[in-house]
Amino acid sequence: MSLWKEFKEFALKGNIIDMSIGVIIGGAFGKIVTSLVNDILMPALGILTGGQNLSSLKHVITPQEINSIGEIITEESAILYGSFLQNVLDFFIIAFCIFLILRLVLKFSSKLKATAPVEEEAAAPTSEELLTEIRDLLKTDANSTK
């Protein structure tokens, strides 16, 4: 089997398509949550921190050097712990939102299952019933060949 044929079979499986859709929706959901964090939660947190933007927090190891005409000679070296804290906060908010959505979906699907009519499954035939059916088929086959 050629590599191209194997790839087509792999790419066109239902699971791959479902996963692709999940990734696209997840990306859009991530943008929504990022907007929630950056546009709503962080300004409120900024009030608590005295107007300080969380992502701008840093520990300067070596300050930048500027010459007399304002050109940067050496870039600043700093640990950007505020950006890290921002990403951790984003993660926890995204995880909490996903938790709430999954909880809602599971609750909704369990209500649907509870209200759906229960179909009775047909009982599997017993050995005696199968043997009787085979006997009858053999009898009709024997009678038809006479």
N, C-alpha and C. Protein backbone atom coordinates (compact mmCIF):
# COMPACT_ATOMS: atom_id res chain seq x y z
N MET A 1 0.86 -1.18 0.00
CA MET A 1 0.00 0.00 0.00
C MET A 1 0.90 1.23 0.00
N SER A 2 0.57 2.15 -0.83
CA SER A 2 1.42 3.34 -0.95
C SER A 2 1.24 4.26 0.25
N LEU A 3 2.23 5.06 0.46
CA LEU A 3 2.21 6.01 1.58
C LEU A 3 1.05 6.99 1.43
N TRP A 4 0.82 7.44 0.20
CA TRP A 4 -0.27 8.39 -0.04
C TRP A 4 -1.62 7.78 0.28
N LYS A 5 -1.82 6.50 -0.10
CA LYS A 5 -3.09 5.82 0.16
C LYS A 5 -3.32 5.65 1.66
N GLU A 6 -2.25 5.28 2.38
CA GLU A 6 -2.35 5.14 3.84
C GLU A 6 -2.69 6.47 4.49
N PHE A 7 -2.04 7.53 4.00
CA PHE A 7 -2.31 8.86 4.56
C PHE A 7 -3.76 9.27 4.32
N LYS A 8 -4.29 9.03 3.12
CA LYS A 8 -5.68 9.38 2.83
C LYS A 8 -6.64 8.63 3.74
N GLU A 9 -6.38 7.34 3.98
CA GLU A 9 -7.24 6.57 4.87
C GLU A 9 -7.19 7.12 6.29
N PHE A 10 -5.98 7.48 6.72
CA PHE A 10 -5.81 8.04 8.05
C PHE A 10 -6.51 9.39 8.18
N ALA A 11 -6.31 10.26 7.20
CA ALA A 11 -6.83 11.63 7.27
C ALA A 11 -8.35 11.68 7.14
N LEU A 12 -8.92 10.72 6.47
CA LEU A 12 -10.36 10.76 6.24
C LEU A 12 -11.17 9.96 7.25
N LYS A 13 -10.50 9.41 8.25
CA LYS A 13 -11.23 8.72 9.30
C LYS A 13 -12.05 9.73 10.09
N GLY A 14 -13.17 9.29 10.61
CA GLY A 14 -14.06 10.18 11.37
C GLY A 14 -13.39 10.80 12.59
N ASN A 15 -12.53 10.06 13.28
CA ASN A 15 -11.91 10.58 14.49
C ASN A 15 -11.02 11.77 14.19
N ILE A 16 -10.29 11.74 13.08
CA ILE A 16 -9.41 12.84 12.70
C ILE A 16 -10.24 14.08 12.40
N ILE A 17 -11.33 13.91 11.69
CA ILE A 17 -12.18 15.05 11.35
C ILE A 17 -12.80 15.63 12.62
N ASP A 18 -13.27 14.77 13.51
CA ASP A 18 -13.84 15.24 14.78
C ASP A 18 -12.80 16.00 15.60
N MET A 19 -11.59 15.46 15.61
CA MET A 19 -10.52 16.12 16.36
C MET A 19 -10.19 17.48 15.75
N SER A 20 -10.18 17.57 14.43
CA SER A 20 -9.90 18.84 13.77
C SER A 20 -10.95 19.89 14.13
N ILE A 21 -12.19 19.47 14.12
CA ILE A 21 -13.27 20.38 14.50
C ILE A 21 -13.09 20.83 15.94
N GLY A 22 -12.71 19.89 16.81
CA GLY A 22 -12.47 20.23 18.22
C GLY A 22 -11.35 21.23 18.39
N VAL A 23 -10.29 21.08 17.59
CA VAL A 23 -9.16 22.02 17.68
C VAL A 23 -9.60 23.42 17.23
N ILE A 24 -10.37 23.50 16.17
CA ILE A 24 -10.84 24.80 15.67
C ILE A 24 -11.75 25.47 16.69
N ILE A 25 -12.69 24.70 17.23
CA ILE A 25 -13.60 25.26 18.24
C ILE A 25 -12.83 25.63 19.50
N GLY A 26 -11.85 24.79 19.86
CA GLY A 26 -11.02 25.09 21.03
C GLY A 26 -10.24 26.38 20.86
N GLY A 27 -9.73 26.63 19.66
CA GLY A 27 -9.01 27.88 19.39
C GLY A 27 -9.92 29.08 19.54
N ALA A 28 -11.13 28.96 19.00
CA ALA A 28 -12.09 30.07 19.14
C ALA A 28 -12.48 30.27 20.59
N PHE A 29 -12.67 29.18 21.31
CA PHE A 29 -13.01 29.26 22.73
C PHE A 29 -11.87 29.90 23.51
N GLY A 30 -10.63 29.57 23.15
CA GLY A 30 -9.47 30.17 23.79
C GLY A 30 -9.43 31.68 23.61
N LYS A 31 -9.81 32.14 22.42
CA LYS A 31 -9.86 33.59 22.17
C LYS A 31 -10.91 34.26 23.05
N ILE A 32 -12.05 33.60 23.21
CA ILE A 32 -13.11 34.16 24.05
C ILE A 32 -12.64 34.28 25.50
N VAL A 33 -12.02 33.23 25.99
CA VAL A 33 -11.55 33.24 27.38
C VAL A 33 -10.41 34.24 27.55
N THR A 34 -9.52 34.34 26.57
CA THR A 34 -8.45 35.34 26.64
C THR A 34 -9.02 36.74 26.70
N SER A 35 -10.05 36.99 25.92
CA SER A 35 -10.70 38.29 25.97
C SER A 35 -11.35 38.52 27.33
N LEU A 36 -11.96 37.48 27.89
CA LEU A 36 -12.55 37.60 29.22
C LEU A 36 -11.49 37.99 30.24
N VAL A 37 -10.34 37.33 30.14
CA VAL A 37 -9.26 37.62 31.10
C VAL A 37 -8.70 39.03 30.87
N ASN A 38 -8.32 39.33 29.63
CA ASN A 38 -7.65 40.60 29.35
C ASN A 38 -8.57 41.82 29.44
N ASP A 39 -9.82 41.67 29.03
CA ASP A 39 -10.70 42.83 28.92
C ASP A 39 -11.62 43.02 30.12
N ILE A 40 -11.85 41.97 30.90
CA ILE A 40 -12.78 42.10 32.02
C ILE A 40 -12.10 41.84 33.36
N LEU A 41 -11.44 40.69 33.48
CA LEU A 41 -10.87 40.33 34.78
C LEU A 41 -9.61 41.13 35.13
N MET A 42 -8.70 41.31 34.16
CA MET A 42 -7.45 42.00 34.47
C MET A 42 -7.65 43.46 34.84
N PRO A 43 -8.55 44.22 34.20
CA PRO A 43 -8.78 45.59 34.67
C PRO A 43 -9.30 45.62 36.11
N ALA A 44 -10.16 44.66 36.46
CA ALA A 44 -10.65 44.59 37.84
C ALA A 44 -9.51 44.24 38.78
N LEU A 45 -8.63 43.31 38.36
CA LEU A 45 -7.48 42.96 39.18
C LEU A 45 -6.50 44.13 39.25
N GLY A 46 -6.43 44.92 38.19
CA GLY A 46 -5.57 46.11 38.17
C GLY A 46 -5.97 47.12 39.23
N ILE A 47 -7.26 47.21 39.52
CA ILE A 47 -7.73 48.12 40.57
C ILE A 47 -7.19 47.64 41.92
N LEU A 48 -7.20 46.32 42.12
CA LEU A 48 -6.69 45.77 43.38
C LEU A 48 -5.18 45.93 43.53
N THR A 49 -4.46 45.92 42.39
CA THR A 49 -3.00 46.05 42.44
C THR A 49 -2.54 47.49 42.25
N GLY A 50 -3.45 48.43 42.34
CA GLY A 50 -3.08 49.84 42.21
C GLY A 50 -2.78 50.26 40.79
N GLY A 51 -3.46 49.68 39.83
CA GLY A 51 -3.28 50.05 38.43
C GLY A 51 -2.12 49.35 37.75
N GLN A 52 -1.43 48.50 38.45
CA GLN A 52 -0.28 47.77 37.88
C GLN A 52 -0.79 46.66 36.98
N ASN A 53 -0.29 46.61 35.74
CA ASN A 53 -0.62 45.55 34.80
C ASN A 53 0.16 44.31 35.20
N LEU A 54 -0.52 43.20 35.40
CA LEU A 54 0.13 41.99 35.87
C LEU A 54 1.21 41.51 34.91
N SER A 55 0.95 41.58 33.61
CA SER A 55 1.92 41.06 32.65
C SER A 55 3.17 41.93 32.54
N SER A 56 3.14 43.13 33.07
CA SER A 56 4.33 43.99 32.99
C SER A 56 5.26 43.82 34.20
N LEU A 57 4.89 42.98 35.15
CA LEU A 57 5.74 42.76 36.31
C LEU A 57 7.00 42.00 35.89
N LYS A 58 8.15 42.46 36.38
CA LYS A 58 9.41 41.80 36.02
C LYS A 58 10.46 42.11 37.08
N HIS A 59 11.46 41.25 37.10
CA HIS A 59 12.61 41.48 37.97
C HIS A 59 13.81 41.74 37.06
N VAL A 60 14.33 42.97 37.09
CA VAL A 60 15.42 43.36 36.21
C VAL A 60 16.73 42.83 36.78
N ILE A 61 17.41 42.03 35.99
CA ILE A 61 18.72 41.49 36.39
C ILE A 61 19.81 42.49 35.99
N THR A 62 19.79 42.89 34.74
CA THR A 62 20.74 43.88 34.23
C THR A 62 19.94 44.95 33.50
N PRO A 63 20.00 46.20 33.96
CA PRO A 63 19.24 47.25 33.28
C PRO A 63 19.82 47.57 31.90
N GLN A 64 18.99 48.12 31.05
CA GLN A 64 19.49 48.49 29.73
C GLN A 64 20.40 49.71 29.85
N GLU A 65 21.35 49.76 28.95
CA GLU A 65 22.27 50.90 28.92
C GLU A 65 21.92 51.76 27.73
N ILE A 66 21.84 53.08 27.97
CA ILE A 66 21.49 54.04 26.93
C ILE A 66 22.62 55.06 26.83
N ASN A 67 23.02 55.37 25.59
CA ASN A 67 24.07 56.38 25.43
C ASN A 67 23.48 57.78 25.53
N SER A 68 24.32 58.79 25.33
CA SER A 68 23.91 60.18 25.54
C SER A 68 22.88 60.67 24.53
N ILE A 69 22.79 60.02 23.36
CA ILE A 69 21.79 60.47 22.38
C ILE A 69 20.51 59.62 22.42
N GLY A 70 20.41 58.73 23.39
CA GLY A 70 19.18 57.96 23.61
C GLY A 70 19.13 56.61 22.91
N GLU A 71 20.23 56.18 22.31
CA GLU A 71 20.25 54.86 21.68
C GLU A 71 20.55 53.79 22.73
N ILE A 72 19.93 52.64 22.54
CA ILE A 72 20.14 51.54 23.48
C ILE A 72 21.45 50.85 23.13
N ILE A 73 22.35 50.80 24.10
CA ILE A 73 23.63 50.13 23.91
C ILE A 73 23.48 48.65 24.25
N THR A 74 22.90 48.36 25.40
CA THR A 74 22.69 46.99 25.86
C THR A 74 21.24 46.83 26.28
N GLU A 75 20.62 45.74 25.77
CA GLU A 75 19.23 45.47 26.12
C GLU A 75 19.11 45.07 27.59
N GLU A 76 17.96 45.29 28.14
CA GLU A 76 17.67 44.91 29.52
C GLU A 76 17.54 43.39 29.62
N SER A 77 18.04 42.83 30.70
CA SER A 77 17.88 41.41 30.98
C SER A 77 16.98 41.30 32.21
N ALA A 78 15.85 40.64 32.04
CA ALA A 78 14.88 40.60 33.14
C ALA A 78 14.14 39.28 33.15
N ILE A 79 13.66 38.92 34.32
CA ILE A 79 12.78 37.77 34.49
C ILE A 79 11.35 38.31 34.44
N LEU A 80 10.59 37.87 33.46
CA LEU A 80 9.23 38.38 33.23
C LEU A 80 8.22 37.51 33.98
N TYR A 81 8.23 37.57 35.29
CA TYR A 81 7.34 36.72 36.08
C TYR A 81 5.89 37.15 35.96
N GLY A 82 5.63 38.39 35.63
CA GLY A 82 4.25 38.85 35.45
C GLY A 82 3.58 38.18 34.26
N SER A 83 4.33 38.00 33.17
CA SER A 83 3.80 37.31 32.00
C SER A 83 3.50 35.85 32.34
N PHE A 84 4.37 35.24 33.12
CA PHE A 84 4.13 33.87 33.57
C PHE A 84 2.87 33.79 34.42
N LEU A 85 2.73 34.72 35.36
CA LEU A 85 1.53 34.73 36.21
C LEU A 85 0.26 34.93 35.38
N GLN A 86 0.36 35.77 34.35
CA GLN A 86 -0.77 36.00 33.45
C GLN A 86 -1.17 34.71 32.74
N ASN A 87 -0.18 33.97 32.26
CA ASN A 87 -0.46 32.71 31.56
C ASN A 87 -1.04 31.66 32.51
N VAL A 88 -0.55 31.62 33.74
CA VAL A 88 -1.10 30.68 34.73
C VAL A 88 -2.55 31.03 35.03
N LEU A 89 -2.82 32.32 35.19
CA LEU A 89 -4.20 32.77 35.44
C LEU A 89 -5.10 32.43 34.26
N ASP A 90 -4.61 32.67 33.04
CA ASP A 90 -5.38 32.30 31.84
C ASP A 90 -5.70 30.82 31.83
N PHE A 91 -4.70 29.98 32.17
CA PHE A 91 -4.91 28.54 32.18
C PHE A 91 -6.01 28.14 33.16
N PHE A 92 -5.94 28.68 34.38
CA PHE A 92 -6.95 28.29 35.37
C PHE A 92 -8.35 28.77 34.97
N ILE A 93 -8.43 29.93 34.37
CA ILE A 93 -9.75 30.42 33.94
C ILE A 93 -10.27 29.57 32.79
N ILE A 94 -9.41 29.22 31.83
CA ILE A 94 -9.83 28.36 30.72
C ILE A 94 -10.26 26.99 31.25
N ALA A 95 -9.47 26.42 32.15
CA ALA A 95 -9.82 25.11 32.72
C ALA A 95 -11.15 25.18 33.46
N PHE A 96 -11.39 26.25 34.20
CA PHE A 96 -12.65 26.38 34.93
C PHE A 96 -13.82 26.53 33.96
N CYS A 97 -13.64 27.31 32.90
CA CYS A 97 -14.71 27.47 31.91
C CYS A 97 -15.02 26.14 31.22
N ILE A 98 -13.99 25.39 30.87
CA ILE A 98 -14.21 24.08 30.25
C ILE A 98 -14.93 23.15 31.22
N PHE A 99 -14.53 23.19 32.48
CA PHE A 99 -15.20 22.39 33.50
C PHE A 99 -16.69 22.73 33.57
N LEU A 100 -17.00 24.02 33.58
CA LEU A 100 -18.42 24.42 33.65
C LEU A 100 -19.20 23.98 32.42
N ILE A 101 -18.59 24.11 31.25
CA ILE A 101 -19.28 23.72 30.01
C ILE A 101 -19.50 22.21 29.99
N LEU A 102 -18.46 21.45 30.34
CA LEU A 102 -18.63 19.99 30.36
C LEU A 102 -19.67 19.55 31.38
N ARG A 103 -19.68 20.21 32.50
CA ARG A 103 -20.68 19.89 33.53
C ARG A 103 -22.09 20.15 33.00
N LEU A 104 -22.27 21.27 32.29
CA LEU A 104 -23.55 21.60 31.71
C LEU A 104 -23.95 20.59 30.64
N VAL A 105 -23.00 20.20 29.78
CA VAL A 105 -23.28 19.23 28.72
C VAL A 105 -23.66 17.88 29.32
N LEU A 106 -22.91 17.43 30.33
CA LEU A 106 -23.22 16.15 30.96
C LEU A 106 -24.58 16.17 31.65
N LYS A 107 -24.90 17.27 32.29
CA LYS A 107 -26.21 17.38 32.95
C LYS A 107 -27.32 17.35 31.90
N PHE A 108 -27.11 18.06 30.78
CA PHE A 108 -28.11 18.11 29.72
C PHE A 108 -28.26 16.73 29.07
N SER A 109 -27.14 16.03 28.83
CA SER A 109 -27.24 14.72 28.19
C SER A 109 -27.87 13.69 29.12
N SER A 110 -27.64 13.80 30.43
CA SER A 110 -28.27 12.86 31.35
C SER A 110 -29.78 13.10 31.43
N LYS A 111 -30.20 14.36 31.29
CA LYS A 111 -31.64 14.65 31.25
C LYS A 111 -32.26 14.10 29.98
N LEU A 112 -31.53 14.18 28.87
CA LEU A 112 -32.04 13.62 27.62
C LEU A 112 -32.18 12.11 27.70
N LYS A 113 -31.20 11.46 28.32
CA LYS A 113 -31.27 10.00 28.47
C LYS A 113 -32.41 9.60 29.39
N ALA A 114 -32.68 10.41 30.42
CA ALA A 114 -33.74 10.09 31.37
C ALA A 114 -35.11 10.23 30.72
N THR A 115 -35.27 11.19 29.79
CA THR A 115 -36.57 11.41 29.16
C THR A 115 -36.76 10.56 27.91
N ALA A 116 -35.68 9.97 27.37
CA ALA A 116 -35.80 9.15 26.17
C ALA A 116 -36.52 7.85 26.50
N PRO A 117 -37.40 7.39 25.60
CA PRO A 117 -38.09 6.13 25.86
C PRO A 117 -37.10 4.97 25.84
N VAL A 118 -37.29 4.08 26.76
CA VAL A 118 -36.39 2.93 26.87
C VAL A 118 -36.91 1.83 25.95
N GLU A 119 -36.05 1.41 25.04
CA GLU A 119 -36.42 0.34 24.13
C GLU A 119 -36.01 -0.98 24.75
N GLU A 120 -36.94 -1.92 24.75
CA GLU A 120 -36.63 -3.23 25.30
C GLU A 120 -35.86 -4.02 24.26
N GLU A 121 -34.75 -4.57 24.67
CA GLU A 121 -33.96 -5.37 23.76
C GLU A 121 -34.58 -6.76 23.65
N ALA A 122 -34.54 -7.27 22.44
CA ALA A 122 -35.05 -8.62 22.24
C ALA A 122 -34.11 -9.61 22.91
N ALA A 123 -34.70 -10.53 23.63
CA ALA A 123 -33.89 -11.52 24.33
C ALA A 123 -33.27 -12.46 23.31
N ALA A 124 -32.05 -12.83 23.56
CA ALA A 124 -31.37 -13.77 22.66
C ALA A 124 -32.05 -15.13 22.76
N PRO A 125 -32.18 -15.82 21.63
CA PRO A 125 -32.83 -17.13 21.67
C PRO A 125 -32.01 -18.13 22.48
N THR A 126 -32.72 -19.02 23.12
CA THR A 126 -32.04 -20.05 23.92
C THR A 126 -31.50 -21.12 23.00
N SER A 127 -30.68 -21.98 23.55
CA SER A 127 -30.10 -23.08 22.76
C SER A 127 -31.20 -23.98 22.22
N GLU A 128 -32.20 -24.23 23.05
CA GLU A 128 -33.30 -25.10 22.61
C GLU A 128 -34.04 -24.48 21.44
N GLU A 129 -34.29 -23.17 21.49
CA GLU A 129 -34.99 -22.50 20.39
C GLU A 129 -34.17 -22.56 19.11
N LEU A 130 -32.84 -22.34 19.22
CA LEU A 130 -31.99 -22.41 18.04
C LEU A 130 -31.97 -23.83 17.45
N LEU A 131 -31.86 -24.82 18.31
CA LEU A 131 -31.85 -26.21 17.83
C LEU A 131 -33.17 -26.57 17.17
N THR A 132 -34.28 -26.10 17.73
CA THR A 132 -35.60 -26.36 17.14
C THR A 132 -35.69 -25.72 15.76
N GLU A 133 -35.18 -24.51 15.64
CA GLU A 133 -35.22 -23.81 14.35
C GLU A 133 -34.36 -24.53 13.32
N ILE A 134 -33.18 -25.00 13.73
CA ILE A 134 -32.31 -25.74 12.82
C ILE A 134 -32.98 -27.03 12.38
N ARG A 135 -33.63 -27.74 13.33
CA ARG A 135 -34.33 -28.99 13.00
C ARG A 135 -35.42 -28.73 11.97
N ASP A 136 -36.19 -27.67 12.20
CA ASP A 136 -37.28 -27.35 11.28
C ASP A 136 -36.75 -27.00 9.89
N LEU A 137 -35.65 -26.26 9.84
CA LEU A 137 -35.06 -25.92 8.54
C LEU A 137 -34.55 -27.16 7.82
N LEU A 138 -33.94 -28.07 8.57
CA LEU A 138 -33.46 -29.31 7.96
C LEU A 138 -34.62 -30.15 7.45
N LYS A 139 -35.73 -30.17 8.20
CA LYS A 139 -36.92 -30.92 7.75
C LYS A 139 -37.48 -30.34 6.47
N THR A 140 -37.61 -29.02 6.39
CA THR A 140 -38.15 -28.41 5.18
C THR A 140 -37.21 -28.60 4.00
N ASP A 141 -35.89 -28.58 4.26
CA ASP A 141 -34.92 -28.79 3.20
C ASP A 141 -34.98 -30.23 2.72
N ALA A 142 -35.12 -31.18 3.65
CA ALA A 142 -35.21 -32.61 3.29
C ALA A 142 -36.49 -32.87 2.51
N ASN A 143 -37.60 -32.24 2.88
CA ASN A 143 -38.87 -32.42 2.18
C ASN A 143 -38.83 -31.82 0.79
N SER A 144 -38.10 -30.72 0.63
CA SER A 144 -38.07 -30.06 -0.68
C SER A 144 -37.18 -30.81 -1.68
N THR A 145 -36.22 -31.58 -1.20
CA THR A 145 -35.34 -32.34 -2.11
C THR A 145 -35.98 -33.65 -2.56
N LYS A 146 -37.06 -34.10 -1.93
CA LYS A 146 -37.73 -35.37 -2.31
C LYS A 146 -38.51 -35.22 -3.54
